[in-house]
């Protein structure tokens, strides 16, 4: 199911809107309509097309890293992780939430669920790295680490748009006196 979610290329938003309108409570209907309206879908697609190449692909790089390493873990000759109940539960839950995140990412504003799924996936990979001795996994992790570094670098770049100078160099006394709402990216441009 997880690998199959990568082969879904698009979702029919009007059908999803109709289904959600039929099952959603009344207080959620305005939100359902706003997130699935044709204007919002088009505006979201235009915004994605005007983004830089690294903004478009940075979440995909982490997702492909997760897919590759999850596959290596699943087909690993190291069977100790299959006996560990807590790891098996986290592995299964991570696969489930990554599948749901993949499918919801096809909807406008559905990418937020991919972020949560990726957090679980990275936590699982770190847990596996620390808990189990698997040489094949460690070699592939070294090979695929540039994808992880790319994701981290782009996330730092994006965070510079929202982190101000006072966020980094502030203390309680200085924060009450000085207000500098200048993003850190302006210091580097």
N, C-alpha and C. Protein backbone atom coordinates (compact mmCIF):
# COMPACT_ATOMS: atom_id res chain seq x y z
N UNK A 1 0.82 -1.18 0.00
CA UNK A 1 0.00 0.00 0.00
C UNK A 1 0.88 1.26 0.00
N UNK A 2 1.97 1.22 0.76
CA UNK A 2 2.87 2.37 0.83
C UNK A 2 3.49 2.65 -0.53
N UNK A 3 4.02 1.63 -1.17
CA UNK A 3 4.63 1.84 -2.48
C UNK A 3 3.58 2.19 -3.53
N UNK A 4 2.40 1.66 -3.41
CA UNK A 4 1.32 2.00 -4.33
C UNK A 4 0.90 3.45 -4.25
N UNK A 5 1.08 4.07 -3.09
CA UNK A 5 0.69 5.48 -2.95
C UNK A 5 1.58 6.40 -3.77
N UNK A 6 2.73 5.93 -4.19
CA UNK A 6 3.61 6.74 -5.03
C UNK A 6 3.16 6.76 -6.48
N UNK A 7 2.32 5.82 -6.86
CA UNK A 7 1.88 5.74 -8.25
C UNK A 7 0.57 6.49 -8.49
N UNK A 8 0.00 7.06 -7.45
CA UNK A 8 -1.19 7.90 -7.61
C UNK A 8 -0.70 9.28 -8.00
N UNK A 9 -1.08 9.74 -9.19
CA UNK A 9 -0.55 11.01 -9.68
C UNK A 9 -1.45 12.19 -9.38
N UNK A 10 -2.76 11.97 -9.26
CA UNK A 10 -3.66 13.08 -8.95
C UNK A 10 -4.94 12.54 -8.33
N UNK A 11 -5.65 13.44 -7.66
CA UNK A 11 -6.94 13.10 -7.07
C UNK A 11 -8.00 14.02 -7.66
N UNK A 12 -9.19 13.51 -7.82
CA UNK A 12 -10.29 14.30 -8.34
C UNK A 12 -10.88 15.12 -7.18
N UNK A 13 -10.52 16.38 -7.12
CA UNK A 13 -10.90 17.24 -6.00
C UNK A 13 -12.41 17.42 -5.88
N UNK A 14 -13.16 17.62 -6.99
CA UNK A 14 -14.62 17.76 -6.81
C UNK A 14 -15.28 16.53 -6.18
N UNK A 15 -14.82 15.35 -6.51
CA UNK A 15 -15.39 14.15 -5.91
C UNK A 15 -15.05 14.09 -4.42
N UNK A 16 -13.83 14.45 -4.08
CA UNK A 16 -13.43 14.47 -2.67
C UNK A 16 -14.24 15.52 -1.92
N UNK A 17 -14.45 16.70 -2.54
CA UNK A 17 -15.25 17.75 -1.91
C UNK A 17 -16.67 17.25 -1.64
N UNK A 18 -17.28 16.59 -2.64
CA UNK A 18 -18.65 16.09 -2.46
C UNK A 18 -18.72 15.04 -1.35
N UNK A 19 -17.73 14.17 -1.29
CA UNK A 19 -17.72 13.13 -0.25
C UNK A 19 -17.53 13.75 1.14
N UNK A 20 -16.62 14.71 1.24
CA UNK A 20 -16.40 15.37 2.53
C UNK A 20 -17.60 16.18 2.96
N UNK A 21 -18.29 16.83 2.01
CA UNK A 21 -19.48 17.60 2.36
C UNK A 21 -20.60 16.70 2.87
N UNK A 22 -20.64 15.47 2.39
CA UNK A 22 -21.70 14.56 2.83
C UNK A 22 -21.43 13.97 4.21
N UNK A 23 -20.16 13.90 4.63
CA UNK A 23 -19.86 13.26 5.92
C UNK A 23 -19.37 14.23 6.98
N UNK A 24 -18.96 15.44 6.59
CA UNK A 24 -18.39 16.39 7.56
C UNK A 24 -19.50 17.05 8.38
N UNK A 25 -19.22 17.35 9.64
CA UNK A 25 -20.19 18.09 10.44
C UNK A 25 -20.37 19.51 9.89
N UNK A 26 -21.44 20.14 10.24
CA UNK A 26 -21.80 21.45 9.69
C UNK A 26 -20.75 22.52 9.97
N UNK A 27 -20.10 22.47 11.13
CA UNK A 27 -19.13 23.51 11.45
C UNK A 27 -17.85 23.39 10.62
N UNK A 28 -17.61 22.25 10.00
CA UNK A 28 -16.43 22.07 9.15
C UNK A 28 -16.69 22.33 7.67
N UNK A 29 -17.93 22.47 7.28
CA UNK A 29 -18.26 22.66 5.86
C UNK A 29 -17.61 23.89 5.24
N UNK A 30 -17.58 25.06 5.90
CA UNK A 30 -16.89 26.20 5.28
C UNK A 30 -15.41 25.93 5.02
N UNK A 31 -14.79 25.22 5.92
CA UNK A 31 -13.38 24.90 5.75
C UNK A 31 -13.16 23.91 4.61
N UNK A 32 -14.03 22.92 4.52
CA UNK A 32 -13.95 21.94 3.43
C UNK A 32 -14.11 22.65 2.10
N UNK A 33 -15.09 23.54 2.01
CA UNK A 33 -15.34 24.27 0.77
C UNK A 33 -14.18 25.19 0.40
N UNK A 34 -13.57 25.83 1.40
CA UNK A 34 -12.46 26.74 1.07
C UNK A 34 -11.21 25.98 0.64
N UNK A 35 -10.94 24.84 1.25
CA UNK A 35 -9.74 24.08 0.88
C UNK A 35 -9.87 23.32 -0.43
N UNK A 36 -11.10 23.04 -0.83
CA UNK A 36 -11.29 22.27 -2.06
C UNK A 36 -11.92 23.08 -3.19
N UNK A 37 -12.02 24.39 -3.02
CA UNK A 37 -12.60 25.21 -4.09
C UNK A 37 -11.66 25.26 -5.28
N UNK A 38 -12.24 25.46 -6.46
CA UNK A 38 -11.44 25.47 -7.68
C UNK A 38 -10.44 26.62 -7.69
N UNK A 39 -10.85 27.77 -7.17
CA UNK A 39 -9.94 28.92 -7.11
C UNK A 39 -8.74 28.65 -6.23
N UNK A 40 -8.97 28.01 -5.09
CA UNK A 40 -7.87 27.69 -4.18
C UNK A 40 -6.93 26.67 -4.80
N UNK A 41 -7.49 25.68 -5.48
CA UNK A 41 -6.67 24.66 -6.13
C UNK A 41 -5.78 25.30 -7.20
N UNK A 42 -6.34 26.20 -8.00
CA UNK A 42 -5.56 26.88 -9.05
C UNK A 42 -4.50 27.80 -8.45
N UNK A 43 -4.87 28.56 -7.41
CA UNK A 43 -3.90 29.46 -6.78
C UNK A 43 -2.76 28.68 -6.17
N UNK A 44 -3.06 27.55 -5.57
CA UNK A 44 -2.03 26.71 -4.96
C UNK A 44 -1.10 26.14 -6.03
N UNK A 45 -1.66 25.72 -7.16
CA UNK A 45 -0.85 25.18 -8.25
C UNK A 45 0.03 26.26 -8.86
N UNK A 46 -0.50 27.48 -9.01
CA UNK A 46 0.30 28.59 -9.54
C UNK A 46 1.44 28.95 -8.60
N UNK A 47 1.15 28.92 -7.30
CA UNK A 47 2.19 29.24 -6.31
C UNK A 47 3.31 28.21 -6.36
N UNK A 48 2.96 26.94 -6.52
CA UNK A 48 3.97 25.89 -6.60
C UNK A 48 4.80 25.99 -7.87
N UNK A 49 4.19 26.43 -8.97
CA UNK A 49 4.93 26.55 -10.22
C UNK A 49 5.92 27.70 -10.20
N UNK A 50 5.62 28.74 -9.43
CA UNK A 50 6.52 29.90 -9.40
C UNK A 50 7.65 29.74 -8.38
N UNK A 51 7.65 28.67 -7.62
CA UNK A 51 8.69 28.46 -6.60
C UNK A 51 10.00 28.03 -7.25
N UNK A 52 11.08 28.26 -6.54
CA UNK A 52 12.40 27.82 -7.00
C UNK A 52 12.45 26.30 -7.04
N UNK A 53 13.40 25.77 -7.82
CA UNK A 53 13.50 24.32 -8.00
C UNK A 53 13.77 23.60 -6.69
N UNK A 54 14.55 24.19 -5.80
CA UNK A 54 14.88 23.49 -4.56
C UNK A 54 13.68 23.46 -3.61
N UNK A 55 12.79 24.42 -3.72
CA UNK A 55 11.58 24.41 -2.90
C UNK A 55 10.63 23.30 -3.39
N UNK A 56 10.59 23.09 -4.68
CA UNK A 56 9.71 22.06 -5.24
C UNK A 56 10.16 20.65 -4.86
N UNK A 57 11.47 20.44 -4.78
CA UNK A 57 11.98 19.07 -4.67
C UNK A 57 12.53 18.69 -3.30
N UNK A 58 12.57 19.60 -2.35
CA UNK A 58 13.23 19.23 -1.10
C UNK A 58 12.43 18.21 -0.29
N UNK A 59 11.10 18.27 -0.31
CA UNK A 59 10.34 17.24 0.40
C UNK A 59 10.39 15.90 -0.34
N UNK A 60 10.49 15.96 -1.67
CA UNK A 60 10.59 14.71 -2.44
C UNK A 60 11.90 13.98 -2.15
N UNK A 61 12.97 14.73 -1.94
CA UNK A 61 14.25 14.07 -1.65
C UNK A 61 14.19 13.31 -0.34
N UNK A 62 13.56 13.92 0.67
CA UNK A 62 13.45 13.21 1.95
C UNK A 62 12.53 12.00 1.81
N UNK A 63 11.47 12.14 1.03
CA UNK A 63 10.54 11.02 0.85
C UNK A 63 11.24 9.86 0.15
N UNK A 64 12.03 10.13 -0.87
CA UNK A 64 12.73 9.04 -1.56
C UNK A 64 13.81 8.43 -0.68
N UNK A 65 14.43 9.23 0.17
CA UNK A 65 15.37 8.69 1.15
C UNK A 65 14.64 7.74 2.09
N UNK A 66 13.48 8.16 2.58
CA UNK A 66 12.71 7.30 3.48
C UNK A 66 12.28 6.00 2.79
N UNK A 67 11.84 6.10 1.54
CA UNK A 67 11.43 4.91 0.81
C UNK A 67 12.59 3.94 0.65
N UNK A 68 13.75 4.46 0.27
CA UNK A 68 14.91 3.59 0.07
C UNK A 68 15.33 2.91 1.37
N UNK A 69 15.40 3.68 2.45
CA UNK A 69 15.86 3.10 3.71
C UNK A 69 14.81 2.20 4.35
N UNK A 70 13.53 2.53 4.19
CA UNK A 70 12.49 1.63 4.69
C UNK A 70 12.53 0.30 3.94
N UNK A 71 12.79 0.35 2.63
CA UNK A 71 12.89 -0.87 1.84
C UNK A 71 14.09 -1.70 2.29
N UNK A 72 15.19 -1.05 2.56
CA UNK A 72 16.38 -1.77 3.04
C UNK A 72 16.11 -2.42 4.39
N UNK A 73 15.42 -1.70 5.27
CA UNK A 73 15.09 -2.27 6.58
C UNK A 73 14.16 -3.48 6.40
N UNK A 74 13.15 -3.33 5.56
CA UNK A 74 12.16 -4.39 5.39
C UNK A 74 12.78 -5.67 4.83
N UNK A 75 13.68 -5.52 3.86
CA UNK A 75 14.28 -6.69 3.24
C UNK A 75 15.63 -7.07 3.86
N UNK A 76 15.94 -6.52 4.98
CA UNK A 76 17.21 -6.78 5.65
C UNK A 76 17.28 -8.22 6.15
N UNK A 77 18.50 -8.74 6.16
CA UNK A 77 18.72 -10.09 6.69
C UNK A 77 18.73 -10.08 8.21
N UNK A 78 18.87 -8.89 8.79
CA UNK A 78 18.83 -8.73 10.23
C UNK A 78 17.38 -8.88 10.70
N UNK A 79 17.08 -9.99 11.35
CA UNK A 79 15.70 -10.26 11.77
C UNK A 79 15.42 -9.84 13.20
N UNK A 80 16.39 -9.25 13.88
CA UNK A 80 16.17 -8.83 15.26
C UNK A 80 15.07 -7.78 15.37
N UNK A 81 14.97 -6.91 14.36
CA UNK A 81 13.97 -5.85 14.44
C UNK A 81 12.54 -6.40 14.31
N UNK A 82 12.39 -7.55 13.66
CA UNK A 82 11.05 -8.14 13.54
C UNK A 82 10.58 -8.72 14.86
N UNK A 83 11.51 -9.07 15.73
CA UNK A 83 11.16 -9.60 17.04
C UNK A 83 10.88 -8.49 18.05
N UNK A 84 11.37 -7.29 17.79
CA UNK A 84 11.15 -6.15 18.69
C UNK A 84 9.76 -5.58 18.42
N UNK A 85 8.85 -5.77 19.37
CA UNK A 85 7.45 -5.39 19.19
C UNK A 85 7.29 -3.88 19.04
N UNK A 86 8.02 -3.11 19.83
CA UNK A 86 7.87 -1.65 19.75
C UNK A 86 8.38 -1.12 18.40
N UNK A 87 9.46 -1.70 17.90
CA UNK A 87 9.96 -1.26 16.60
C UNK A 87 9.00 -1.67 15.49
N UNK A 88 8.47 -2.88 15.57
CA UNK A 88 7.53 -3.33 14.54
C UNK A 88 6.28 -2.45 14.51
N UNK A 89 5.79 -2.06 15.69
CA UNK A 89 4.62 -1.18 15.74
C UNK A 89 4.93 0.18 15.14
N UNK A 90 6.09 0.74 15.49
CA UNK A 90 6.48 2.04 14.93
C UNK A 90 6.71 1.94 13.43
N UNK A 91 7.28 0.86 12.98
CA UNK A 91 7.50 0.65 11.55
C UNK A 91 6.17 0.60 10.80
N UNK A 92 5.24 -0.18 11.30
CA UNK A 92 3.93 -0.27 10.66
C UNK A 92 3.17 1.05 10.68
N UNK A 93 3.21 1.73 11.82
CA UNK A 93 2.52 3.02 11.91
C UNK A 93 3.17 4.04 11.00
N UNK A 94 4.49 4.03 10.91
CA UNK A 94 5.19 4.96 10.02
C UNK A 94 4.83 4.71 8.57
N UNK A 95 4.74 3.44 8.18
CA UNK A 95 4.32 3.12 6.82
C UNK A 95 2.89 3.60 6.55
N UNK A 96 2.02 3.41 7.52
CA UNK A 96 0.62 3.84 7.36
C UNK A 96 0.52 5.36 7.24
N UNK A 97 1.18 6.07 8.11
CA UNK A 97 1.06 7.53 8.08
C UNK A 97 1.79 8.12 6.86
N UNK A 98 2.86 7.48 6.40
CA UNK A 98 3.51 7.91 5.17
C UNK A 98 2.61 7.68 3.96
N UNK A 99 1.86 6.60 3.96
CA UNK A 99 0.90 6.33 2.88
C UNK A 99 -0.19 7.39 2.86
N UNK A 100 -0.76 7.67 4.01
CA UNK A 100 -1.81 8.70 4.09
C UNK A 100 -1.24 10.06 3.71
N UNK A 101 -0.04 10.36 4.18
CA UNK A 101 0.61 11.63 3.84
C UNK A 101 0.86 11.76 2.34
N UNK A 102 1.27 10.68 1.70
CA UNK A 102 1.48 10.69 0.24
C UNK A 102 0.20 11.01 -0.50
N UNK A 103 -0.88 10.39 -0.08
CA UNK A 103 -2.15 10.59 -0.78
C UNK A 103 -2.69 11.99 -0.51
N UNK A 104 -2.64 12.45 0.74
CA UNK A 104 -3.17 13.78 1.04
C UNK A 104 -2.30 14.89 0.47
N UNK A 105 -1.06 14.61 0.17
CA UNK A 105 -0.20 15.65 -0.41
C UNK A 105 -0.63 16.02 -1.82
N UNK A 106 -1.47 15.21 -2.43
CA UNK A 106 -1.98 15.53 -3.76
C UNK A 106 -3.09 16.58 -3.71
N UNK A 107 -3.65 16.80 -2.53
CA UNK A 107 -4.65 17.85 -2.34
C UNK A 107 -3.95 19.16 -2.00
N UNK A 108 -4.57 20.30 -2.30
CA UNK A 108 -3.97 21.57 -1.88
C UNK A 108 -3.88 21.62 -0.35
N UNK A 109 -2.79 22.09 0.15
CA UNK A 109 -2.51 22.19 1.59
C UNK A 109 -2.45 20.82 2.27
N UNK A 110 -2.33 19.75 1.53
CA UNK A 110 -2.21 18.43 2.13
C UNK A 110 -0.78 18.07 2.47
N UNK A 111 0.16 18.90 2.07
CA UNK A 111 1.56 18.64 2.33
C UNK A 111 1.92 18.68 3.81
N UNK A 112 1.07 19.30 4.61
CA UNK A 112 1.35 19.36 6.05
C UNK A 112 1.34 17.97 6.68
N UNK A 113 0.57 17.06 6.11
CA UNK A 113 0.52 15.70 6.65
C UNK A 113 1.77 14.92 6.27
N UNK A 114 2.37 15.27 5.15
CA UNK A 114 3.62 14.62 4.76
C UNK A 114 4.72 14.97 5.76
N UNK A 115 4.73 16.22 6.23
CA UNK A 115 5.73 16.64 7.21
C UNK A 115 5.63 15.81 8.49
N UNK A 116 4.42 15.60 8.97
CA UNK A 116 4.23 14.78 10.17
C UNK A 116 4.67 13.35 9.91
N UNK A 117 4.32 12.83 8.74
CA UNK A 117 4.71 11.46 8.40
C UNK A 117 6.23 11.34 8.29
N UNK A 118 6.86 12.35 7.72
CA UNK A 118 8.31 12.31 7.60
C UNK A 118 8.99 12.38 8.97
N UNK A 119 8.40 13.08 9.92
CA UNK A 119 8.94 13.09 11.27
C UNK A 119 8.94 11.69 11.87
N UNK A 120 7.85 10.96 11.69
CA UNK A 120 7.80 9.59 12.18
C UNK A 120 8.81 8.71 11.43
N UNK A 121 8.94 8.92 10.14
CA UNK A 121 9.88 8.13 9.35
C UNK A 121 11.32 8.35 9.77
N UNK A 122 11.69 9.60 9.96
CA UNK A 122 13.07 9.91 10.37
C UNK A 122 13.32 9.39 11.79
N UNK A 123 12.32 9.49 12.65
CA UNK A 123 12.47 8.94 14.01
C UNK A 123 12.70 7.43 13.96
N UNK A 124 11.98 6.76 13.09
CA UNK A 124 12.16 5.32 12.94
C UNK A 124 13.56 5.00 12.43
N UNK A 125 14.03 5.75 11.44
CA UNK A 125 15.37 5.51 10.90
C UNK A 125 16.45 5.73 11.95
N UNK A 126 16.29 6.77 12.76
CA UNK A 126 17.26 7.03 13.82
C UNK A 126 17.22 5.92 14.88
N UNK A 127 16.02 5.47 15.21
CA UNK A 127 15.86 4.38 16.18
C UNK A 127 16.52 3.10 15.66
N UNK A 128 16.32 2.80 14.40
CA UNK A 128 16.92 1.61 13.81
C UNK A 128 18.44 1.72 13.79
N UNK A 129 18.95 2.88 13.47
CA UNK A 129 20.40 3.11 13.41
C UNK A 129 21.04 2.88 14.78
N UNK A 130 20.38 3.36 15.82
CA UNK A 130 20.94 3.26 17.17
C UNK A 130 20.75 1.86 17.76
N UNK A 131 19.62 1.25 17.50
CA UNK A 131 19.26 0.01 18.18
C UNK A 131 19.82 -1.25 17.52
N UNK A 132 19.88 -1.27 16.20
CA UNK A 132 20.25 -2.50 15.50
C UNK A 132 21.54 -2.29 14.71
N UNK A 133 22.39 -3.28 14.75
CA UNK A 133 23.64 -3.25 13.99
C UNK A 133 23.39 -3.86 12.61
N UNK A 134 23.26 -3.01 11.62
CA UNK A 134 23.00 -3.48 10.26
C UNK A 134 23.98 -2.75 9.34
N UNK A 135 24.99 -3.45 8.89
CA UNK A 135 26.04 -2.85 8.07
C UNK A 135 25.50 -2.38 6.72
N UNK A 136 24.61 -3.15 6.11
CA UNK A 136 24.03 -2.76 4.82
C UNK A 136 23.26 -1.44 4.95
N UNK A 137 22.47 -1.32 6.02
CA UNK A 137 21.71 -0.10 6.26
C UNK A 137 22.65 1.10 6.45
N UNK A 138 23.69 0.91 7.22
CA UNK A 138 24.63 2.01 7.47
C UNK A 138 25.36 2.43 6.19
N UNK A 139 25.69 1.47 5.35
CA UNK A 139 26.34 1.82 4.07
C UNK A 139 25.40 2.60 3.16
N UNK A 140 24.15 2.14 3.07
CA UNK A 140 23.18 2.87 2.24
C UNK A 140 22.87 4.24 2.83
N UNK A 141 22.87 4.35 4.14
CA UNK A 141 22.63 5.65 4.76
C UNK A 141 23.76 6.63 4.41
N UNK A 142 24.99 6.14 4.39
CA UNK A 142 26.11 6.99 3.97
C UNK A 142 25.98 7.39 2.51
N UNK A 143 25.55 6.45 1.68
CA UNK A 143 25.37 6.71 0.26
C UNK A 143 24.26 7.73 0.00
N UNK A 144 23.17 7.64 0.75
CA UNK A 144 22.01 8.51 0.54
C UNK A 144 22.01 9.76 1.40
N UNK A 145 23.03 9.95 2.21
CA UNK A 145 23.06 11.10 3.11
C UNK A 145 23.06 12.45 2.38
N UNK A 146 23.57 12.59 1.15
CA UNK A 146 23.43 13.89 0.48
C UNK A 146 21.97 14.33 0.31
N UNK A 147 21.05 13.39 0.15
CA UNK A 147 19.64 13.75 0.08
C UNK A 147 19.17 14.36 1.40
N UNK A 148 19.62 13.78 2.49
CA UNK A 148 19.26 14.31 3.81
C UNK A 148 19.89 15.68 4.03
N UNK A 149 21.14 15.85 3.62
CA UNK A 149 21.80 17.15 3.76
C UNK A 149 21.11 18.22 2.92
N UNK A 150 20.68 17.85 1.72
CA UNK A 150 19.94 18.79 0.88
C UNK A 150 18.64 19.23 1.55
N UNK A 151 17.92 18.28 2.14
CA UNK A 151 16.68 18.60 2.84
C UNK A 151 16.94 19.55 4.01
N UNK A 152 17.97 19.28 4.78
CA UNK A 152 18.30 20.13 5.93
C UNK A 152 18.70 21.52 5.48
N UNK A 153 19.51 21.61 4.44
CA UNK A 153 19.96 22.91 3.94
C UNK A 153 18.78 23.76 3.43
N UNK A 154 17.89 23.16 2.69
CA UNK A 154 16.73 23.91 2.18
C UNK A 154 15.80 24.31 3.32
N UNK A 155 15.63 23.44 4.32
CA UNK A 155 14.81 23.81 5.47
C UNK A 155 15.42 24.98 6.23
N UNK A 156 16.74 25.01 6.36
CA UNK A 156 17.39 26.15 7.00
C UNK A 156 17.15 27.43 6.19
N UNK A 157 17.24 27.32 4.89
CA UNK A 157 17.00 28.48 4.02
C UNK A 157 15.57 28.99 4.17
N UNK A 158 14.62 28.09 4.23
CA UNK A 158 13.22 28.48 4.40
C UNK A 158 13.00 29.10 5.77
N UNK A 159 13.63 28.56 6.78
CA UNK A 159 13.44 29.10 8.13
C UNK A 159 14.02 30.50 8.27
N UNK A 160 15.02 30.84 7.47
CA UNK A 160 15.58 32.19 7.54
C UNK A 160 14.56 33.25 7.12
N UNK A 161 13.52 32.87 6.40
CA UNK A 161 12.47 33.82 6.03
C UNK A 161 11.59 34.20 7.22
N UNK A 162 11.50 33.34 8.22
CA UNK A 162 10.60 33.60 9.34
C UNK A 162 11.33 33.87 10.66
N UNK A 163 12.58 33.50 10.76
CA UNK A 163 13.33 33.75 11.99
C UNK A 163 13.96 35.13 11.90
N UNK A 164 13.73 35.92 12.92
CA UNK A 164 14.28 37.28 12.93
C UNK A 164 15.59 37.31 13.69
N UNK A 165 16.23 38.44 13.60
CA UNK A 165 17.48 38.67 14.30
C UNK A 165 17.29 38.52 15.81
N UNK A 166 16.15 39.00 16.31
CA UNK A 166 15.88 38.94 17.75
C UNK A 166 15.61 37.51 18.22
N UNK A 167 15.18 36.64 17.36
CA UNK A 167 14.96 35.25 17.74
C UNK A 167 16.28 34.58 18.12
N UNK A 168 17.32 34.92 17.40
CA UNK A 168 18.61 34.28 17.62
C UNK A 168 19.41 34.97 18.72
N UNK A 169 19.42 36.28 18.72
CA UNK A 169 20.30 37.03 19.63
C UNK A 169 19.53 37.79 20.70
N UNK A 170 18.48 37.22 21.20
CA UNK A 170 17.65 37.93 22.16
C UNK A 170 17.81 37.38 23.56
N UNK A 171 17.50 38.23 24.52
CA UNK A 171 17.36 37.83 25.91
C UNK A 171 16.16 38.58 26.46
N UNK A 172 15.66 38.24 27.61
CA UNK A 172 14.43 38.88 28.10
C UNK A 172 14.54 40.39 28.26
N UNK A 173 15.68 40.90 28.65
CA UNK A 173 15.83 42.35 28.83
C UNK A 173 15.87 43.05 27.48
N UNK A 174 16.64 42.54 26.56
CA UNK A 174 16.75 43.14 25.23
C UNK A 174 15.44 43.05 24.46
N UNK A 175 14.69 41.97 24.65
CA UNK A 175 13.43 41.79 23.94
C UNK A 175 12.39 42.83 24.33
N UNK A 176 12.43 43.33 25.57
CA UNK A 176 11.46 44.36 25.98
C UNK A 176 11.81 45.73 25.46
N UNK A 177 13.07 45.95 25.09
CA UNK A 177 13.52 47.27 24.66
C UNK A 177 13.58 47.39 23.14
N UNK A 178 14.07 46.35 22.47
CA UNK A 178 14.34 46.41 21.03
C UNK A 178 13.37 45.50 20.28
N UNK A 179 12.85 46.00 19.16
CA UNK A 179 12.01 45.19 18.29
C UNK A 179 12.58 45.27 16.88
N UNK A 180 13.20 44.19 16.43
CA UNK A 180 13.77 44.14 15.08
C UNK A 180 13.10 43.02 14.30
N UNK A 181 12.00 43.30 13.61
CA UNK A 181 11.31 42.24 12.86
C UNK A 181 11.93 42.00 11.48
N UNK A 182 13.23 41.94 11.43
CA UNK A 182 13.93 41.74 10.16
C UNK A 182 14.31 40.27 10.05
N UNK A 183 13.86 39.58 8.99
CA UNK A 183 14.24 38.17 8.85
C UNK A 183 15.75 38.01 8.61
N UNK A 184 16.26 36.90 9.04
CA UNK A 184 17.70 36.64 8.89
C UNK A 184 18.14 36.56 7.44
N UNK A 185 17.24 36.21 6.55
CA UNK A 185 17.62 36.10 5.14
C UNK A 185 18.08 37.45 4.59
N UNK A 186 17.54 38.53 5.14
CA UNK A 186 17.94 39.87 4.68
C UNK A 186 19.40 40.17 5.01
N UNK A 187 19.94 39.52 6.02
CA UNK A 187 21.34 39.72 6.38
C UNK A 187 22.28 39.05 5.36
N UNK A 188 21.78 38.00 4.70
CA UNK A 188 22.61 37.25 3.76
C UNK A 188 22.43 37.68 2.32
N UNK A 189 21.36 38.40 2.02
CA UNK A 189 21.10 38.83 0.65
C UNK A 189 21.88 40.07 0.31
